[in-house]
Amino acid sequence: MYLGLDTSLMEAPSRALSEQQIRGLARTFDRVADPVWVEDAGGRRLYANNAAGTDGAAESTSLAFEILDHTDRIVGRLKTVGR
């Protein structure tokens, strides 16, 4: 199944990132110099690294990447700022 950027994130509302997966993302992105945000499938922010700050000002120019589960369903979105 192909999922493009125009695919609604709400297609699989029962799918979610687990706490363990979020902790793993935090370990990966905590030390990254660029801002990184992770949202659930409903658009709720689950994680932001220190570089992202709290105001989300750079988020308006961010790049978004879909996070897929093992069945290729969208479970979230990772955002960062492109350079």
PDB file of N, CA and C in Angstrom:
ATOM      1  N   MET A   1       0.841  -1.184   0.000  1.00  0.00           N
ATOM      2  CA  MET A   1       0.000   0.000   0.000  1.00  0.00           C
ATOM      3  C   MET A   1       0.875   1.232   0.000  1.00  0.00           C
ATOM      4  N   TYR A   2       0.628   2.184  -0.873  1.00  0.00           N
ATOM      5  CA  TYR A   2       1.397   3.415  -0.965  1.00  0.00           C
ATOM      6  C   TYR A   2       0.707   4.503  -0.149  1.00  0.00           C
ATOM      7  N   LEU A   3       1.473   5.195   0.673  1.00  0.00           N
ATOM      8  CA  LEU A   3       0.951   6.308   1.455  1.00  0.00           C
ATOM      9  C   LEU A   3       1.756   7.549   1.118  1.00  0.00           C
ATOM     10  N   GLY A   4       1.115   8.535   0.553  1.00  0.00           N
ATOM     11  CA  GLY A   4       1.799   9.774   0.206  1.00  0.00           C
ATOM     12  C   GLY A   4       1.525  10.846   1.243  1.00  0.00           C
ATOM     13  N   LEU A   5       2.106  12.008   1.036  1.00  0.00           N
ATOM     14  CA  LEU A   5       1.913  13.103   1.978  1.00  0.00           C
ATOM     15  C   LEU A   5       0.474  13.588   2.016  1.00  0.00           C
ATOM     16  N   ASP A   6      -0.289  13.296   0.971  1.00  0.00           N
ATOM     17  CA  ASP A   6      -1.680  13.718   0.956  1.00  0.00           C
ATOM     18  C   ASP A   6      -2.584  12.727   1.691  1.00  0.00           C
ATOM     19  N   THR A   7      -2.034  11.639   2.204  1.00  0.00           N
ATOM     20  CA  THR A   7      -2.794  10.635   2.930  1.00  0.00           C
ATOM     21  C   THR A   7      -3.091  11.144   4.334  1.00  0.00           C
ATOM     22  N   SER A   8      -4.311  11.017   4.752  1.00  0.00           N
ATOM     23  CA  SER A   8      -4.704  11.496   6.069  1.00  0.00           C
ATOM     24  C   SER A   8      -4.001  10.709   7.173  1.00  0.00           C
ATOM     25  N   LEU A   9      -3.534  11.419   8.189  1.00  0.00           N
ATOM     26  CA  LEU A   9      -2.905  10.754   9.331  1.00  0.00           C
ATOM     27  C   LEU A   9      -3.938  10.030  10.188  1.00  0.00           C
ATOM     28  N   MET A  10      -5.196  10.298   9.996  1.00  0.00           N
ATOM     29  CA  MET A  10      -6.231   9.707  10.833  1.00  0.00           C
ATOM     30  C   MET A  10      -6.716   8.360  10.305  1.00  0.00           C
ATOM     31  N   GLU A  11      -6.061   7.793   9.308  1.00  0.00           N
ATOM     32  CA  GLU A  11      -6.499   6.514   8.755  1.00  0.00           C
ATOM     33  C   GLU A  11      -6.414   5.376   9.768  1.00  0.00           C
ATOM     34  N   ALA A  12      -5.517   5.455  10.711  1.00  0.00           N
ATOM     35  CA  ALA A  12      -5.344   4.384  11.689  1.00  0.00           C
ATOM     36  C   ALA A  12      -5.314   4.970  13.104  1.00  0.00           C
ATOM     37  N   PRO A  13      -6.459   5.487  13.590  1.00  0.00           N
ATOM     38  CA  PRO A  13      -6.454   6.162  14.887  1.00  0.00           C
ATOM     39  C   PRO A  13      -6.103   5.256  16.056  1.00  0.00           C
ATOM     40  N   SER A  14      -6.236   3.941  15.896  1.00  0.00           N
ATOM     41  CA  SER A  14      -5.911   3.035  16.995  1.00  0.00           C
ATOM     42  C   SER A  14      -4.411   2.761  17.083  1.00  0.00           C
ATOM     43  N   ARG A  15      -3.665   3.106  16.058  1.00  0.00           N
ATOM     44  CA  ARG A  15      -2.216   2.897  16.052  1.00  0.00           C
ATOM     45  C   ARG A  15      -1.559   4.052  16.775  1.00  0.00           C
ATOM     46  N   ALA A  16      -0.549   3.749  17.560  1.00  0.00           N
ATOM     47  CA  ALA A  16       0.142   4.804  18.301  1.00  0.00           C
ATOM     48  C   ALA A  16       1.578   4.399  18.562  1.00  0.00           C
ATOM     49  N   LEU A  17       2.412   5.390  18.774  1.00  0.00           N
ATOM     50  CA  LEU A  17       3.788   5.127  19.185  1.00  0.00           C
ATOM     51  C   LEU A  17       3.768   4.735  20.659  1.00  0.00           C
ATOM     52  N   SER A  18       4.483   3.700  21.001  1.00  0.00           N
ATOM     53  CA  SER A  18       4.537   3.268  22.392  1.00  0.00           C
ATOM     54  C   SER A  18       5.481   4.165  23.182  1.00  0.00           C
ATOM     55  N   GLU A  19       5.369   4.127  24.487  1.00  0.00           N
ATOM     56  CA  GLU A  19       6.283   4.889  25.341  1.00  0.00           C
ATOM     57  C   GLU A  19       7.727   4.473  25.084  1.00  0.00           C
ATOM     58  N   GLN A  20       7.953   3.195  24.871  1.00  0.00           N
ATOM     59  CA  GLN A  20       9.294   2.692  24.589  1.00  0.00           C
ATOM     60  C   GLN A  20       9.830   3.283  23.278  1.00  0.00           C
ATOM     61  N   GLN A  21       8.989   3.365  22.270  1.00  0.00           N
ATOM     62  CA  GLN A  21       9.414   3.942  20.996  1.00  0.00           C
ATOM     63  C   GLN A  21       9.726   5.431  21.145  1.00  0.00           C
ATOM     64  N   ILE A  22       8.925   6.139  21.914  1.00  0.00           N
ATOM     65  CA  ILE A  22       9.169   7.565  22.137  1.00  0.00           C
ATOM     66  C   ILE A  22      10.471   7.761  22.895  1.00  0.00           C
ATOM     67  N   ARG A  23      10.738   6.930  23.899  1.00  0.00           N
ATOM     68  CA  ARG A  23      12.011   7.024  24.634  1.00  0.00           C
ATOM     69  C   ARG A  23      13.191   6.747  23.704  1.00  0.00           C
ATOM     70  N   GLY A  24      13.024   5.805  22.783  1.00  0.00           N
ATOM     71  CA  GLY A  24      14.074   5.513  21.816  1.00  0.00           C
ATOM     72  C   GLY A  24      14.335   6.697  20.892  1.00  0.00           C
ATOM     73  N   LEU A  25      13.263   7.351  20.443  1.00  0.00           N
ATOM     74  CA  LEU A  25      13.428   8.545  19.620  1.00  0.00           C
ATOM     75  C   LEU A  25      14.132   9.644  20.408  1.00  0.00           C
ATOM     76  N   ALA A  26      13.783   9.789  21.672  1.00  0.00           N
ATOM     77  CA  ALA A  26      14.423  10.802  22.522  1.00  0.00           C
ATOM     78  C   ALA A  26      15.916  10.526  22.659  1.00  0.00           C
ATOM     79  N   ARG A  27      16.293   9.269  22.884  1.00  0.00           N
ATOM     80  CA  ARG A  27      17.718   8.922  22.977  1.00  0.00           C
ATOM     81  C   ARG A  27      18.442   9.258  21.680  1.00  0.00           C
ATOM     82  N   THR A  28      17.772   9.072  20.575  1.00  0.00           N
ATOM     83  CA  THR A  28      18.381   9.341  19.276  1.00  0.00           C
ATOM     84  C   THR A  28      18.519  10.837  19.011  1.00  0.00           C
ATOM     85  N   PHE A  29      17.512  11.628  19.337  1.00  0.00           N
ATOM     86  CA  PHE A  29      17.478  13.024  18.916  1.00  0.00           C
ATOM     87  C   PHE A  29      17.795  14.049  20.006  1.00  0.00           C
ATOM     88  N   ASP A  30      17.984  13.635  21.247  1.00  0.00           N
ATOM     89  CA  ASP A  30      18.261  14.596  22.323  1.00  0.00           C
ATOM     90  C   ASP A  30      19.511  15.430  22.068  1.00  0.00           C
ATOM     91  N   ARG A  31      20.518  14.856  21.460  1.00  0.00           N
ATOM     92  CA  ARG A  31      21.791  15.560  21.270  1.00  0.00           C
ATOM     93  C   ARG A  31      21.953  16.174  19.889  1.00  0.00           C
ATOM     94  N   VAL A  32      20.935  16.077  19.068  1.00  0.00           N
ATOM     95  CA  VAL A  32      21.006  16.625  17.713  1.00  0.00           C
ATOM     96  C   VAL A  32      20.941  18.152  17.781  1.00  0.00           C
ATOM     97  N   ALA A  33      21.766  18.819  16.983  1.00  0.00           N
ATOM     98  CA  ALA A  33      21.823  20.281  17.004  1.00  0.00           C
ATOM     99  C   ALA A  33      20.604  20.929  16.347  1.00  0.00           C
ATOM    100  N   ASP A  34      19.979  20.243  15.401  1.00  0.00           N
ATOM    101  CA  ASP A  34      18.807  20.791  14.718  1.00  0.00           C
ATOM    102  C   ASP A  34      17.532  20.456  15.481  1.00  0.00           C
ATOM    103  N   PRO A  35      16.513  21.306  15.367  1.00  0.00           N
ATOM    104  CA  PRO A  35      15.250  21.015  16.049  1.00  0.00           C
ATOM    105  C   PRO A  35      14.559  19.785  15.464  1.00  0.00           C
ATOM    106  N   VAL A  36      13.981  18.970  16.348  1.00  0.00           N
ATOM    107  CA  VAL A  36      13.235  17.772  15.950  1.00  0.00           C
ATOM    108  C   VAL A  36      11.970  17.704  16.799  1.00  0.00           C
ATOM    109  N   TRP A  37      10.835  17.486  16.135  1.00  0.00           N
ATOM    110  CA  TRP A  37       9.561  17.296  16.806  1.00  0.00           C
ATOM    111  C   TRP A  37       8.989  15.961  16.361  1.00  0.00           C
ATOM    112  N   VAL A  38       8.278  15.271  17.262  1.00  0.00           N
ATOM    113  CA  VAL A  38       7.564  14.045  16.911  1.00  0.00           C
ATOM    114  C   VAL A  38       6.120  14.237  17.350  1.00  0.00           C
ATOM    115  N   GLU A  39       5.201  13.967  16.424  1.00  0.00           N
ATOM    116  CA  GLU A  39       3.773  14.074  16.700  1.00  0.00           C
ATOM    117  C   GLU A  39       3.119  12.716  16.524  1.00  0.00           C
ATOM    118  N   ASP A  40       2.009  12.506  17.217  1.00  0.00           N
ATOM    119  CA  ASP A  40       1.242  11.282  17.000  1.00  0.00           C
ATOM    120  C   ASP A  40       0.397  11.458  15.745  1.00  0.00           C
ATOM    121  N   ALA A  41      -0.378  10.448  15.389  1.00  0.00           N
ATOM    122  CA  ALA A  41      -1.172  10.473  14.167  1.00  0.00           C
ATOM    123  C   ALA A  41      -2.241  11.561  14.194  1.00  0.00           C
ATOM    124  N   GLY A  42      -2.608  12.029  15.366  1.00  0.00           N
ATOM    125  CA  GLY A  42      -3.596  13.095  15.488  1.00  0.00           C
ATOM    126  C   GLY A  42      -2.997  14.483  15.518  1.00  0.00           C
ATOM    127  N   GLY A  43      -1.675  14.587  15.424  1.00  0.00           N
ATOM    128  CA  GLY A  43      -1.017  15.882  15.422  1.00  0.00           C
ATOM    129  C   GLY A  43      -0.592  16.382  16.794  1.00  0.00           C
ATOM    130  N   ARG A  44      -0.780  15.566  17.841  1.00  0.00           N
ATOM    131  CA  ARG A  44      -0.391  15.963  19.199  1.00  0.00           C
ATOM    132  C   ARG A  44       1.104  15.760  19.369  1.00  0.00           C
ATOM    133  N   ARG A  45       1.795  16.783  19.860  1.00  0.00           N
ATOM    134  CA  ARG A  45       3.247  16.699  20.047  1.00  0.00           C
ATOM    135  C   ARG A  45       3.573  15.720  21.170  1.00  0.00           C
ATOM    136  N   LEU A  46       4.425  14.742  20.849  1.00  0.00           N
ATOM    137  CA  LEU A  46       4.862  13.753  21.822  1.00  0.00           C
ATOM    138  C   LEU A  46       6.269  14.027  22.321  1.00  0.00           C
ATOM    139  N   TYR A  47       7.061  14.700  21.479  1.00  0.00           N
ATOM    140  CA  TYR A  47       8.472  14.904  21.815  1.00  0.00           C
ATOM    141  C   TYR A  47       9.006  16.112  21.054  1.00  0.00           C
ATOM    142  N   ALA A  48       9.869  16.871  21.697  1.00  0.00           N
ATOM    143  CA  ALA A  48      10.637  17.941  21.059  1.00  0.00           C
ATOM    144  C   ALA A  48      12.001  17.945  21.718  1.00  0.00           C
ATOM    145  N   ASN A  49      13.061  17.939  20.911  1.00  0.00           N
ATOM    146  CA  ASN A  49      14.397  17.955  21.509  1.00  0.00           C
ATOM    147  C   ASN A  49      14.735  19.365  22.001  1.00  0.00           C
ATOM    148  N   ASN A  50      15.859  19.506  22.684  1.00  0.00           N
ATOM    149  CA  ASN A  50      16.240  20.800  23.251  1.00  0.00           C
ATOM    150  C   ASN A  50      16.380  21.875  22.183  1.00  0.00           C
ATOM    151  N   ALA A  51      16.881  21.520  21.009  1.00  0.00           N
ATOM    152  CA  ALA A  51      17.066  22.496  19.934  1.00  0.00           C
ATOM    153  C   ALA A  51      15.735  23.032  19.411  1.00  0.00           C
ATOM    154  N   ALA A  52      14.666  22.275  19.595  1.00  0.00           N
ATOM    155  CA  ALA A  52      13.351  22.694  19.116  1.00  0.00           C
ATOM    156  C   ALA A  52      12.770  23.799  19.981  1.00  0.00           C
ATOM    157  N   GLY A  53      13.233  23.916  21.219  1.00  0.00           N
ATOM    158  CA  GLY A  53      12.680  24.930  22.108  1.00  0.00           C
ATOM    159  C   GLY A  53      11.233  24.641  22.433  1.00  0.00           C
ATOM    160  N   THR A  54      10.564  25.615  22.957  1.00  0.00           N
ATOM    161  CA  THR A  54       9.172  25.412  23.347  1.00  0.00           C
ATOM    162  C   THR A  54       8.201  26.231  22.520  1.00  0.00           C
ATOM    163  N   ASP A  55       8.688  27.224  21.772  1.00  0.00           N
ATOM    164  CA  ASP A  55       7.764  28.085  21.032  1.00  0.00           C
ATOM    165  C   ASP A  55       7.385  27.533  19.666  1.00  0.00           C
ATOM    166  N   GLY A  56       8.182  26.631  19.108  1.00  0.00           N
ATOM    167  CA  GLY A  56       7.865  26.029  17.814  1.00  0.00           C
ATOM    168  C   GLY A  56       7.988  26.992  16.642  1.00  0.00           C
ATOM    169  N   ALA A  57       8.737  28.097  16.810  1.00  0.00           N
ATOM    170  CA  ALA A  57       8.849  29.109  15.758  1.00  0.00           C
ATOM    171  C   ALA A  57       9.389  28.522  14.459  1.00  0.00           C
ATOM    172  N   ALA A  58      10.403  27.673  14.525  1.00  0.00           N
ATOM    173  CA  ALA A  58      10.998  27.095  13.316  1.00  0.00           C
ATOM    174  C   ALA A  58      10.125  26.011  12.710  1.00  0.00           C
ATOM    175  N   GLU A  59       9.150  25.534  13.446  1.00  0.00           N
ATOM    176  CA  GLU A  59       8.320  24.429  12.966  1.00  0.00           C
ATOM    177  C   GLU A  59       7.532  24.811  11.714  1.00  0.00           C
ATOM    178  N   SER A  60       7.240  26.090  11.540  1.00  0.00           N
ATOM    179  CA  SER A  60       6.471  26.506  10.374  1.00  0.00           C
ATOM    180  C   SER A  60       7.237  26.281   9.070  1.00  0.00           C
ATOM    181  N   THR A  61       8.553  26.162   9.132  1.00  0.00           N
ATOM    182  CA  THR A  61       9.361  25.906   7.941  1.00  0.00           C
ATOM    183  C   THR A  61       9.966  24.508   7.974  1.00  0.00           C
ATOM    184  N   SER A  62       9.347  23.615   8.701  1.00  0.00           N
ATOM    185  CA  SER A  62       9.924  22.286   8.902  1.00  0.00           C
ATOM    186  C   SER A  62       9.606  21.327   7.765  1.00  0.00           C
ATOM    187  N   LEU A  63      10.413  20.281   7.686  1.00  0.00           N
ATOM    188  CA  LEU A  63      10.186  19.145   6.805  1.00  0.00           C
ATOM    189  C   LEU A  63       9.515  18.063   7.639  1.00  0.00           C
ATOM    190  N   ALA A  64       8.568  17.349   7.078  1.00  0.00           N
ATOM    191  CA  ALA A  64       7.861  16.319   7.821  1.00  0.00           C
ATOM    192  C   ALA A  64       8.084  14.951   7.182  1.00  0.00           C
ATOM    193  N   PHE A  65       8.299  13.961   8.028  1.00  0.00           N
ATOM    194  CA  PHE A  65       8.498  12.580   7.589  1.00  0.00           C
ATOM    195  C   PHE A  65       7.527  11.694   8.342  1.00  0.00           C
ATOM    196  N   GLU A  66       6.788  10.874   7.615  1.00  0.00           N
ATOM    197  CA  GLU A  66       5.823   9.985   8.255  1.00  0.00           C
ATOM    198  C   GLU A  66       6.540   8.843   8.959  1.00  0.00           C
ATOM    199  N   ILE A  67       6.061   8.473  10.133  1.00  0.00           N
ATOM    200  CA  ILE A  67       6.559   7.317  10.876  1.00  0.00           C
ATOM    201  C   ILE A  67       5.557   6.195  10.649  1.00  0.00           C
ATOM    202  N   LEU A  68       6.039   5.072  10.115  1.00  0.00           N
ATOM    203  CA  LEU A  68       5.167   3.946   9.779  1.00  0.00           C
ATOM    204  C   LEU A  68       5.386   2.791  10.741  1.00  0.00           C
ATOM    205  N   ASP A  69       4.311   2.050  11.010  1.00  0.00           N
ATOM    206  CA  ASP A  69       4.461   0.833  11.805  1.00  0.00           C
ATOM    207  C   ASP A  69       4.851  -0.322  10.875  1.00  0.00           C
ATOM    208  N   HIS A  70       4.919  -1.515  11.415  1.00  0.00           N
ATOM    209  CA  HIS A  70       5.365  -2.670  10.628  1.00  0.00           C
ATOM    210  C   HIS A  70       4.396  -3.079   9.520  1.00  0.00           C
ATOM    211  N   THR A  71       3.181  -2.509   9.528  1.00  0.00           N
ATOM    212  CA  THR A  71       2.220  -2.795   8.463  1.00  0.00           C
ATOM    213  C   THR A  71       2.069  -1.605   7.521  1.00  0.00           C
ATOM    214  N   ASP A  72       3.009  -0.672   7.590  1.00  0.00           N
ATOM    215  CA  ASP A  72       3.031   0.524   6.746  1.00  0.00           C
ATOM    216  C   ASP A  72       1.892   1.494   7.027  1.00  0.00           C
ATOM    217  N   ARG A  73       1.337   1.452   8.216  1.00  0.00           N
ATOM    218  CA  ARG A  73       0.328   2.430   8.613  1.00  0.00           C
ATOM    219  C   ARG A  73       1.025   3.603   9.293  1.00  0.00           C
ATOM    220  N   ILE A  74       0.527   4.789   9.038  1.00  0.00           N
ATOM    221  CA  ILE A  74       1.106   5.981   9.641  1.00  0.00           C
ATOM    222  C   ILE A  74       0.737   6.027  11.124  1.00  0.00           C
ATOM    223  N   VAL A  75       1.775   6.129  11.971  1.00  0.00           N
ATOM    224  CA  VAL A  75       1.539   6.217  13.418  1.00  0.00           C
ATOM    225  C   VAL A  75       2.015   7.549  13.983  1.00  0.00           C
ATOM    226  N   GLY A  76       2.672   8.341  13.161  1.00  0.00           N
ATOM    227  CA  GLY A  76       3.146   9.639  13.626  1.00  0.00           C
ATOM    228  C   GLY A  76       3.891  10.361  12.535  1.00  0.00           C
ATOM    229  N   ARG A  77       4.459  11.491  12.937  1.00  0.00           N
ATOM    230  CA  ARG A  77       5.222  12.305  11.983  1.00  0.00           C
ATOM    231  C   ARG A  77       6.416  12.904  12.708  1.00  0.00           C
ATOM    232  N   LEU A  78       7.578  12.832  12.076  1.00  0.00           N
ATOM    233  CA  LEU A  78       8.788  13.444  12.596  1.00  0.00           C
ATOM    234  C   LEU A  78       9.033  14.702  11.780  1.00  0.00           C
ATOM    235  N   LYS A  79       9.307  15.814  12.463  1.00  0.00           N
ATOM    236  CA  LYS A  79       9.569  17.073  11.777  1.00  0.00           C
ATOM    237  C   LYS A  79      10.944  17.584  12.165  1.00  0.00           C
ATOM    238  N   THR A  80      11.611  18.212  11.199  1.00  0.00           N
ATOM    239  CA  THR A  80      12.896  18.858  11.438  1.00  0.00           C
ATOM    240  C   THR A  80      13.025  20.007  10.443  1.00  0.00           C
ATOM    241  N   VAL A  81      14.026  20.828  10.635  1.00  0.00           N
ATOM    242  CA  VAL A  81      14.240  21.968   9.758  1.00  0.00           C
ATOM    243  C   VAL A  81      15.314  21.619   8.745  1.00  0.00           C
ATOM    244  N   GLY A  82      15.010  21.786   7.478  1.00  0.00           N
ATOM    245  CA  GLY A  82      15.972  21.493   6.431  1.00  0.00           C
ATOM    246  C   GLY A  82      16.997  22.602   6.282  1.00  0.00           C
ATOM    247  N   ARG A  83      18.169  22.230   5.847  1.00  0.00           N
ATOM    248  CA  ARG A  83      19.237  23.220   5.631  1.00  0.00           C
ATOM    249  C   ARG A  83      19.706  23.177   4.213  1.00  0.00           C
TER     250      ARG A  83
END
